[in-house]
Amino acid sequence: MTIIIISLLLLASLLPHLTFTARVNVGIVNGTEARPHSRPYMVSLQKNREHICGGFLISNQFVLTAAHCQIKNEKLTAVVGAHNLKNENEGSVRIGVKSYIKHPDIEKNDIMLLQLEKKITPSKHVYWISLLKKKNVNKKDPNCSVAGWGRLGMNSPGSDRLMEAYVKIMDYATCKKKWKRQQKKLGSKMMCAYGDCGSCEGDSGGPLVCGDTAVGVTSFGDPEHCNSPNKPNVYTKISPYLKWIHKNMRNVKLLY
């Protein structure tokens, strides 16, 4: 009996610490911290050394992100190879942006291609991701996820460490119905994803990934509630823009 009592007292003393650990390990709204450098394509887009948006490498010279991540003509810096944005000793690299290529109809197409000022050197920590080539995403794919350094909640700060969360693809009809008051904003080239976890402010521009391919670009969500069950997060589909992406990548002056 004495041994049991001592064991119970020991467990009780550990509970506060166990609870604190569990709380720390949530972010990107109920997500988890990504294994360091397990997503080598992730990019932190920064202004004045502060993270403002996500992005992702699609080649050794180009980053794909959301068009609204650049306000007016502000200059952005791409940080590649990062996990903890506050740890300058982990080997991340800061690269300026040479060209900002937005879709001509920016009001309906929240997508932007960035050409970096120098080519990246591929490594275990830095590498690009493939883009979905087929028209539609498999809605039953259980391996879809989002990641970013955005807010951990509506009134919370952003995360220094890269966070990730698994989500499910929502069919377009349901997605449009849930956003019925803003149907004009929800175009046919957009898609929704939902789950207990999801994106928040600062995650814009990051990829929606299914399997090993990027299928969408994080665009917007409920402005009053991160990862709202009533207004699911919206992503720009990548497949309708493949010709536009490849055409612009060919047309700019490449670095050698």
C-alpha atoms as a PDB file:
ATOM      1  CA  MET A   1       0.000   0.000   0.000  1.00  0.00           C
ATOM      2  CA  THR A   2       2.861   2.375   0.867  1.00  0.00           C
ATOM      3  CA  ILE A   3       4.420   1.771  -2.559  1.00  0.00           C
ATOM      4  CA  ILE A   4       1.086   2.520  -4.309  1.00  0.00           C
ATOM      5  CA  ILE A   5       0.628   5.789  -2.377  1.00  0.00           C
ATOM      6  CA  ILE A   6       4.178   6.903  -3.202  1.00  0.00           C
ATOM      7  CA  SER A   7       3.590   6.081  -6.887  1.00  0.00           C
ATOM      8  CA  LEU A   8       0.359   8.091  -6.947  1.00  0.00           C
ATOM      9  CA  LEU A   9       2.040  11.080  -5.279  1.00  0.00           C
ATOM     10  CA  LEU A  10       4.874  10.924  -7.810  1.00  0.00           C
ATOM     11  CA  LEU A  11       2.406  10.821 -10.721  1.00  0.00           C
ATOM     12  CA  ALA A  12       0.508  13.794  -9.278  1.00  0.00           C
ATOM     13  CA  SER A  13       3.722  15.796  -9.032  1.00  0.00           C
ATOM     14  CA  LEU A  14       4.490  15.102 -12.702  1.00  0.00           C
ATOM     15  CA  LEU A  15       1.054  16.014 -14.076  1.00  0.00           C
ATOM     16  CA  PRO A  16       1.649  19.793 -14.354  1.00  0.00           C
ATOM     17  CA  HIS A  17       4.857  19.152 -16.295  1.00  0.00           C
ATOM     18  CA  LEU A  18       3.164  16.642 -18.599  1.00  0.00           C
ATOM     19  CA  THR A  19       0.363  19.093 -19.304  1.00  0.00           C
ATOM     20  CA  PHE A  20       2.824  21.901 -20.067  1.00  0.00           C
ATOM     21  CA  THR A  21       4.737  19.693 -22.514  1.00  0.00           C
ATOM     22  CA  ALA A  22       1.543  18.793 -24.369  1.00  0.00           C
ATOM     23  CA  ARG A  23       0.554  22.446 -24.647  1.00  0.00           C
ATOM     24  CA  VAL A  24       3.918  23.490 -26.033  1.00  0.00           C
ATOM     25  CA  ASN A  25       3.706  20.847 -28.745  1.00  0.00           C
ATOM     26  CA  VAL A  26       0.677  22.377 -30.462  1.00  0.00           C
ATOM     27  CA  GLY A  27       0.658  25.050 -33.126  1.00  0.00           C
ATOM     28  CA  ILE A  28      -0.454  25.940 -36.675  1.00  0.00           C
ATOM     29  CA  VAL A  29      -3.693  25.535 -34.660  1.00  0.00           C
ATOM     30  CA  ASN A  30      -3.583  22.141 -32.916  1.00  0.00           C
ATOM     31  CA  GLY A  31      -0.771  20.814 -35.103  1.00  0.00           C
ATOM     32  CA  THR A  32       2.600  19.436 -34.036  1.00  0.00           C
ATOM     33  CA  GLU A  33       6.174  20.526 -34.496  1.00  0.00           C
ATOM     34  CA  ALA A  34       7.577  19.116 -37.722  1.00  0.00           C
ATOM     35  CA  ARG A  35      10.635  16.917 -37.559  1.00  0.00           C
ATOM     36  CA  PRO A  36      13.493  19.367 -38.246  1.00  0.00           C
ATOM     37  CA  HIS A  37      14.193  19.699 -41.983  1.00  0.00           C
ATOM     38  CA  SER A  38      11.705  16.966 -42.922  1.00  0.00           C
ATOM     39  CA  ARG A  39      10.125  19.457 -45.345  1.00  0.00           C
ATOM     40  CA  PRO A  40      13.200  20.822 -47.173  1.00  0.00           C
ATOM     41  CA  TYR A  41      11.013  22.721 -49.647  1.00  0.00           C
ATOM     42  CA  MET A  42       9.554  25.082 -47.028  1.00  0.00           C
ATOM     43  CA  VAL A  43      10.440  28.782 -47.298  1.00  0.00           C
ATOM     44  CA  SER A  44       9.918  31.599 -44.802  1.00  0.00           C
ATOM     45  CA  LEU A  45       9.217  34.875 -46.613  1.00  0.00           C
ATOM     46  CA  GLN A  46      10.363  37.771 -44.477  1.00  0.00           C
ATOM     47  CA  LYS A  47      10.307  41.556 -44.344  1.00  0.00           C
ATOM     48  CA  ASN A  48      12.794  43.290 -42.047  1.00  0.00           C
ATOM     49  CA  ARG A  49      13.783  39.823 -40.759  1.00  0.00           C
ATOM     50  CA  GLU A  50      10.236  39.110 -39.595  1.00  0.00           C
ATOM     51  CA  HIS A  51       8.260  36.156 -40.975  1.00  0.00           C
ATOM     52  CA  ILE A  52       5.159  37.294 -42.880  1.00  0.00           C
ATOM     53  CA  CYS A  53       4.283  34.392 -45.175  1.00  0.00           C
ATOM     54  CA  GLY A  54       5.199  30.898 -46.204  1.00  0.00           C
ATOM     55  CA  GLY A  55       6.301  29.662 -49.603  1.00  0.00           C
ATOM     56  CA  PHE A  56       7.835  26.566 -51.129  1.00  0.00           C
ATOM     57  CA  LEU A  57      10.641  25.732 -53.519  1.00  0.00           C
ATOM     58  CA  ILE A  58       9.578  24.299 -56.893  1.00  0.00           C
ATOM     59  CA  SER A  59      13.061  24.432 -58.487  1.00  0.00           C
ATOM     60  CA  ASN A  60      16.562  25.616 -57.640  1.00  0.00           C
ATOM     61  CA  GLN A  61      15.583  29.198 -58.546  1.00  0.00           C
ATOM     62  CA  PHE A  62      11.841  29.563 -57.949  1.00  0.00           C
ATOM     63  CA  VAL A  63       9.466  29.778 -55.000  1.00  0.00           C
ATOM     64  CA  LEU A  64       5.685  29.497 -55.250  1.00  0.00           C
ATOM     65  CA  THR A  65       3.550  31.480 -52.813  1.00  0.00           C
ATOM     66  CA  ALA A  66       0.340  33.526 -52.541  1.00  0.00           C
ATOM     67  CA  ALA A  67       0.092  36.844 -54.411  1.00  0.00           C
ATOM     68  CA  HIS A  68      -1.273  38.661 -51.355  1.00  0.00           C
ATOM     69  CA  CYS A  69       1.993  37.954 -49.513  1.00  0.00           C
ATOM     70  CA  GLN A  70       3.534  40.990 -51.207  1.00  0.00           C
ATOM     71  CA  ILE A  71       1.837  44.285 -50.351  1.00  0.00           C
ATOM     72  CA  LYS A  72       2.466  47.009 -52.950  1.00  0.00           C
ATOM     73  CA  ASN A  73       6.074  46.652 -54.101  1.00  0.00           C
ATOM     74  CA  GLU A  74       7.737  45.736 -50.823  1.00  0.00           C
ATOM     75  CA  LYS A  75      10.910  43.668 -51.008  1.00  0.00           C
ATOM     76  CA  LEU A  76      10.909  40.206 -49.494  1.00  0.00           C
ATOM     77  CA  THR A  77      13.677  37.862 -48.420  1.00  0.00           C
ATOM     78  CA  ALA A  78      13.402  34.087 -48.754  1.00  0.00           C
ATOM     79  CA  VAL A  79      14.844  31.971 -45.947  1.00  0.00           C
ATOM     80  CA  VAL A  80      15.524  28.378 -47.020  1.00  0.00           C
ATOM     81  CA  GLY A  81      16.698  25.408 -44.983  1.00  0.00           C
ATOM     82  CA  ALA A  82      15.121  26.701 -41.783  1.00  0.00           C
ATOM     83  CA  HIS A  83      13.322  24.936 -38.954  1.00  0.00           C
ATOM     84  CA  ASN A  84      13.725  27.266 -35.986  1.00  0.00           C
ATOM     85  CA  LEU A  85      13.672  30.821 -37.362  1.00  0.00           C
ATOM     86  CA  LYS A  86      15.426  32.099 -34.239  1.00  0.00           C
ATOM     87  CA  ASN A  87      18.340  29.681 -34.567  1.00  0.00           C
ATOM     88  CA  GLU A  88      20.867  31.270 -36.904  1.00  0.00           C
ATOM     89  CA  ASN A  89      23.290  28.388 -36.391  1.00  0.00           C
ATOM     90  CA  GLU A  90      21.157  25.679 -37.991  1.00  0.00           C
ATOM     91  CA  GLY A  91      22.406  26.391 -41.518  1.00  0.00           C
ATOM     92  CA  SER A  92      19.477  28.316 -43.007  1.00  0.00           C
ATOM     93  CA  VAL A  93      20.231  30.679 -45.899  1.00  0.00           C
ATOM     94  CA  ARG A  94      18.746  34.105 -46.629  1.00  0.00           C
ATOM     95  CA  ILE A  95      18.245  34.907 -50.331  1.00  0.00           C
ATOM     96  CA  GLY A  96      16.833  38.045 -51.891  1.00  0.00           C
ATOM     97  CA  VAL A  97      14.049  37.947 -54.474  1.00  0.00           C
ATOM     98  CA  LYS A  98      14.991  39.009 -58.006  1.00  0.00           C
ATOM     99  CA  SER A  99      11.567  38.848 -59.711  1.00  0.00           C
ATOM    100  CA  TYR A 100       7.972  38.934 -58.424  1.00  0.00           C
ATOM    101  CA  ILE A 101       5.632  37.357 -60.955  1.00  0.00           C
ATOM    102  CA  LYS A 102       1.957  37.683 -60.097  1.00  0.00           C
ATOM    103  CA  HIS A 103      -0.953  36.425 -62.157  1.00  0.00           C
ATOM    104  CA  PRO A 104      -2.327  39.231 -64.383  1.00  0.00           C
ATOM    105  CA  ASP A 105      -5.790  38.863 -62.821  1.00  0.00           C
ATOM    106  CA  ILE A 106      -4.599  39.087 -59.241  1.00  0.00           C
ATOM    107  CA  GLU A 107      -8.074  39.666 -57.776  1.00  0.00           C
ATOM    108  CA  LYS A 108      -9.169  36.141 -58.730  1.00  0.00           C
ATOM    109  CA  ASN A 109      -5.828  34.339 -58.746  1.00  0.00           C
ATOM    110  CA  ASP A 110      -3.963  34.347 -55.441  1.00  0.00           C
ATOM    111  CA  ILE A 111      -0.701  32.920 -56.724  1.00  0.00           C
ATOM    112  CA  MET A 112       2.801  34.339 -57.186  1.00  0.00           C
ATOM    113  CA  LEU A 113       6.077  33.029 -58.530  1.00  0.00           C
ATOM    114  CA  LEU A 114       9.321  34.346 -57.043  1.00  0.00           C
ATOM    115  CA  GLN A 115      12.666  34.104 -58.786  1.00  0.00           C
ATOM    116  CA  LEU A 116      15.514  34.070 -56.283  1.00  0.00           C
ATOM    117  CA  GLU A 117      18.619  36.236 -56.693  1.00  0.00           C
ATOM    118  CA  LYS A 118      20.810  33.153 -56.653  1.00  0.00           C
ATOM    119  CA  LYS A 119      20.398  29.441 -57.212  1.00  0.00           C
ATOM    120  CA  ILE A 120      20.023  27.261 -54.161  1.00  0.00           C
ATOM    121  CA  THR A 121      22.424  24.442 -53.445  1.00  0.00           C
ATOM    122  CA  PRO A 122      20.404  21.223 -52.943  1.00  0.00           C
ATOM    123  CA  SER A 123      21.044  19.400 -49.682  1.00  0.00           C
ATOM    124  CA  LYS A 124      19.248  17.304 -47.068  1.00  0.00           C
ATOM    125  CA  HIS A 125      17.847  20.554 -45.647  1.00  0.00           C
ATOM    126  CA  VAL A 126      17.052  22.349 -48.917  1.00  0.00           C
ATOM    127  CA  TYR A 127      15.215  20.800 -51.858  1.00  0.00           C
ATOM    128  CA  TRP A 128      12.195  21.522 -54.022  1.00  0.00           C
ATOM    129  CA  ILE A 129       8.858  19.694 -54.137  1.00  0.00           C
ATOM    130  CA  SER A 130       7.018  18.273 -57.152  1.00  0.00           C
ATOM    131  CA  LEU A 131       3.762  19.845 -58.340  1.00  0.00           C
ATOM    132  CA  LEU A 132       0.530  17.942 -58.971  1.00  0.00           C
ATOM    133  CA  LYS A 133       0.157  17.292 -62.693  1.00  0.00           C
ATOM    134  CA  LYS A 134      -3.339  15.794 -62.784  1.00  0.00           C
ATOM    135  CA  LYS A 135      -6.416  18.003 -62.728  1.00  0.00           C
ATOM    136  CA  ASN A 136      -8.121  16.798 -59.558  1.00  0.00           C
ATOM    137  CA  VAL A 137      -6.926  15.858 -56.100  1.00  0.00           C
ATOM    138  CA  ASN A 138      -7.896  12.514 -54.593  1.00  0.00           C
ATOM    139  CA  LYS A 139     -10.374  13.647 -51.923  1.00  0.00           C
ATOM    140  CA  LYS A 140      -9.888  10.394 -50.009  1.00  0.00           C
ATOM    141  CA  ASP A 141      -6.117  10.812 -49.741  1.00  0.00           C
ATOM    142  CA  PRO A 142      -5.351  10.547 -46.003  1.00  0.00           C
ATOM    143  CA  ASN A 143      -1.858  11.941 -46.405  1.00  0.00           C
ATOM    144  CA  CYS A 144      -2.601  15.618 -47.016  1.00  0.00           C
ATOM    145  CA  SER A 145      -0.934  18.195 -44.807  1.00  0.00           C
ATOM    146  CA  VAL A 146      -0.091  21.845 -44.308  1.00  0.00           C
ATOM    147  CA  ALA A 147       2.886  23.451 -42.608  1.00  0.00           C
ATOM    148  CA  GLY A 148       4.118  26.869 -41.608  1.00  0.00           C
ATOM    149  CA  TRP A 149       5.440  29.316 -39.053  1.00  0.00           C
ATOM    150  CA  GLY A 150       2.106  31.127 -38.627  1.00  0.00           C
ATOM    151  CA  ARG A 151       0.103  31.936 -35.522  1.00  0.00           C
ATOM    152  CA  LEU A 152      -0.692  29.118 -33.094  1.00  0.00           C
ATOM    153  CA  GLY A 153      -4.169  30.596 -32.574  1.00  0.00           C
ATOM    154  CA  MET A 154      -6.163  33.726 -33.336  1.00  0.00           C
ATOM    155  CA  ASN A 155      -4.658  35.683 -30.444  1.00  0.00           C
ATOM    156  CA  SER A 156      -1.343  33.872 -30.291  1.00  0.00           C
ATOM    157  CA  PRO A 157       2.064  34.757 -31.714  1.00  0.00           C
ATOM    158  CA  GLY A 158       3.646  32.981 -34.637  1.00  0.00           C
ATOM    159  CA  SER A 159       5.772  29.897 -34.099  1.00  0.00           C
ATOM    160  CA  ASP A 160       9.569  30.057 -34.229  1.00  0.00           C
ATOM    161  CA  ARG A 161       9.620  26.386 -35.217  1.00  0.00           C
ATOM    162  CA  LEU A 162       7.994  24.871 -38.286  1.00  0.00           C
ATOM    163  CA  MET A 163       4.634  23.323 -37.424  1.00  0.00           C
ATOM    164  CA  GLU A 164       2.577  20.841 -39.427  1.00  0.00           C
ATOM    165  CA  ALA A 165      -0.929  19.386 -39.456  1.00  0.00           C
ATOM    166  CA  TYR A 166      -2.776  16.695 -41.389  1.00  0.00           C
ATOM    167  CA  VAL A 167      -5.974  17.749 -43.147  1.00  0.00           C
ATOM    168  CA  LYS A 168      -8.638  16.340 -45.441  1.00  0.00           C
ATOM    169  CA  ILE A 169      -9.767  17.672 -48.808  1.00  0.00           C
ATOM    170  CA  MET A 170     -13.376  18.935 -48.858  1.00  0.00           C
ATOM    171  CA  ASP A 171     -15.509  18.563 -51.967  1.00  0.00           C
ATOM    172  CA  TYR A 172     -16.024  21.835 -53.822  1.00  0.00           C
ATOM    173  CA  ALA A 173     -19.832  21.945 -53.467  1.00  0.00           C
ATOM    174  CA  THR A 174     -19.630  21.718 -49.667  1.00  0.00           C
ATOM    175  CA  CYS A 175     -16.759  24.191 -49.600  1.00  0.00           C
ATOM    176  CA  LYS A 176     -18.721  26.714 -51.670  1.00  0.00           C
ATOM    177  CA  LYS A 177     -21.831  26.262 -49.531  1.00  0.00           C
ATOM    178  CA  LYS A 178     -19.887  26.988 -46.355  1.00  0.00           C
ATOM    179  CA  TRP A 179     -18.513  30.157 -47.938  1.00  0.00           C
ATOM    180  CA  LYS A 180     -21.886  31.097 -49.474  1.00  0.00           C
ATOM    181  CA  ARG A 181     -21.662  34.744 -48.416  1.00  0.00           C
ATOM    182  CA  GLN A 182     -18.386  35.092 -50.273  1.00  0.00           C
ATOM    183  CA  GLN A 183     -18.968  32.891 -53.311  1.00  0.00           C
ATOM    184  CA  LYS A 184     -17.376  35.428 -55.641  1.00  0.00           C
ATOM    185  CA  LYS A 185     -14.172  35.141 -53.645  1.00  0.00           C
ATOM    186  CA  LEU A 186     -14.250  31.352 -53.778  1.00  0.00           C
ATOM    187  CA  GLY A 187     -13.450  30.737 -57.449  1.00  0.00           C
ATOM    188  CA  SER A 188     -13.408  27.461 -59.327  1.00  0.00           C
ATOM    189  CA  LYS A 189      -9.608  27.351 -59.112  1.00  0.00           C
ATOM    190  CA  MET A 190      -9.782  27.115 -55.330  1.00  0.00           C
ATOM    191  CA  MET A 191     -10.290  24.226 -52.926  1.00  0.00           C
ATOM    192  CA  CYS A 192     -10.927  23.671 -49.220  1.00  0.00           C
ATOM    193  CA  ALA A 193      -9.268  21.454 -46.645  1.00  0.00           C
ATOM    194  CA  TYR A 194     -10.410  20.813 -43.083  1.00  0.00           C
ATOM    195  CA  GLY A 195      -9.619  18.947 -39.900  1.00  0.00           C
ATOM    196  CA  ASP A 196      -9.000  19.350 -36.196  1.00  0.00           C
ATOM    197  CA  CYS A 197      -5.822  21.194 -37.165  1.00  0.00           C
ATOM    198  CA  GLY A 198      -5.157  23.789 -39.836  1.00  0.00           C
ATOM    199  CA  SER A 199      -3.618  27.019 -41.084  1.00  0.00           C
ATOM    200  CA  CYS A 200      -3.703  30.427 -39.428  1.00  0.00           C
ATOM    201  CA  GLU A 201      -2.374  33.926 -40.111  1.00  0.00           C
ATOM    202  CA  GLY A 202       1.233  33.757 -41.298  1.00  0.00           C
ATOM    203  CA  ASP A 203       0.767  30.374 -42.985  1.00  0.00           C
ATOM    204  CA  SER A 204      -0.409  31.994 -46.237  1.00  0.00           C
ATOM    205  CA  GLY A 205       1.639  31.026 -49.273  1.00  0.00           C
ATOM    206  CA  GLY A 206       2.663  27.672 -47.817  1.00  0.00           C
ATOM    207  CA  PRO A 207       1.835  24.432 -49.618  1.00  0.00           C
ATOM    208  CA  LEU A 208      -1.073  22.052 -49.257  1.00  0.00           C
ATOM    209  CA  VAL A 209       0.713  18.744 -49.769  1.00  0.00           C
ATOM    210  CA  CYS A 210      -0.806  15.365 -50.584  1.00  0.00           C
ATOM    211  CA  GLY A 211       1.659  12.515 -50.495  1.00  0.00           C
ATOM    212  CA  ASP A 212       4.877  13.931 -51.927  1.00  0.00           C
ATOM    213  CA  THR A 213       3.370  16.585 -54.189  1.00  0.00           C
ATOM    214  CA  ALA A 214       2.144  20.144 -53.676  1.00  0.00           C
ATOM    215  CA  VAL A 215      -1.495  20.463 -54.737  1.00  0.00           C
ATOM    216  CA  GLY A 216      -2.412  23.919 -53.411  1.00  0.00           C
ATOM    217  CA  VAL A 217      -1.193  27.264 -52.070  1.00  0.00           C
ATOM    218  CA  THR A 218      -2.589  28.477 -48.741  1.00  0.00           C
ATOM    219  CA  SER A 219      -4.829  31.471 -49.534  1.00  0.00           C
ATOM    220  CA  PHE A 220      -7.306  32.475 -46.819  1.00  0.00           C
ATOM    221  CA  GLY A 221      -9.607  31.383 -44.011  1.00  0.00           C
ATOM    222  CA  ASP A 222     -12.127  32.790 -41.576  1.00  0.00           C
ATOM    223  CA  PRO A 223     -10.737  36.205 -40.512  1.00  0.00           C
ATOM    224  CA  GLU A 224     -12.293  35.823 -37.063  1.00  0.00           C
ATOM    225  CA  HIS A 225     -11.433  32.219 -36.255  1.00  0.00           C
ATOM    226  CA  CYS A 226      -8.331  30.236 -37.230  1.00  0.00           C
ATOM    227  CA  ASN A 227      -9.219  26.858 -38.741  1.00  0.00           C
ATOM    228  CA  SER A 228     -12.944  27.581 -38.407  1.00  0.00           C
ATOM    229  CA  PRO A 229     -15.262  24.551 -38.757  1.00  0.00           C
ATOM    230  CA  ASN A 230     -17.834  26.818 -40.394  1.00  0.00           C
ATOM    231  CA  LYS A 231     -15.512  28.441 -42.925  1.00  0.00           C
ATOM    232  CA  PRO A 232     -12.791  25.951 -43.877  1.00  0.00           C
ATOM    233  CA  ASN A 233      -9.374  27.093 -45.023  1.00  0.00           C
ATOM    234  CA  VAL A 234      -9.127  27.857 -48.736  1.00  0.00           C
ATOM    235  CA  TYR A 235      -6.230  27.035 -51.057  1.00  0.00           C
ATOM    236  CA  THR A 236      -5.423  28.011 -54.636  1.00  0.00           C
ATOM    237  CA  LYS A 237      -5.265  24.878 -56.780  1.00  0.00           C
ATOM    238  CA  ILE A 238      -1.915  24.457 -58.500  1.00  0.00           C
ATOM    239  CA  SER A 239      -2.910  22.264 -61.465  1.00  0.00           C
ATOM    240  CA  PRO A 240      -4.840  25.010 -63.373  1.00  0.00           C
ATOM    241  CA  TYR A 241      -1.710  27.186 -63.256  1.00  0.00           C
ATOM    242  CA  LEU A 242       0.911  24.680 -64.423  1.00  0.00           C
ATOM    243  CA  LYS A 243       1.181  26.175 -67.921  1.00  0.00           C
ATOM    244  CA  TRP A 244       1.412  29.680 -66.452  1.00  0.00           C
ATOM    245  CA  ILE A 245       4.069  28.574 -63.974  1.00  0.00           C
ATOM    246  CA  HIS A 246       6.259  26.797 -66.522  1.00  0.00           C
ATOM    247  CA  LYS A 247       5.862  29.551 -69.116  1.00  0.00           C
ATOM    248  CA  ASN A 248       7.047  32.207 -66.675  1.00  0.00           C
ATOM    249  CA  MET A 249       9.883  30.049 -65.445  1.00  0.00           C
ATOM    250  CA  ARG A 250      11.085  29.710 -69.057  1.00  0.00           C
ATOM    251  CA  ASN A 251      10.612  33.368 -69.942  1.00  0.00           C
ATOM    252  CA  VAL A 252      12.689  34.959 -67.183  1.00  0.00           C
ATOM    253  CA  LYS A 253      16.451  35.201 -67.444  1.00  0.00           C
ATOM    254  CA  LEU A 254      17.707  32.128 -65.657  1.00  0.00           C
ATOM    255  CA  LEU A 255      20.781  32.040 -63.462  1.00  0.00           C
ATOM    256  CA  TYR A 256      23.644  29.745 -64.391  1.00  0.00           C
END
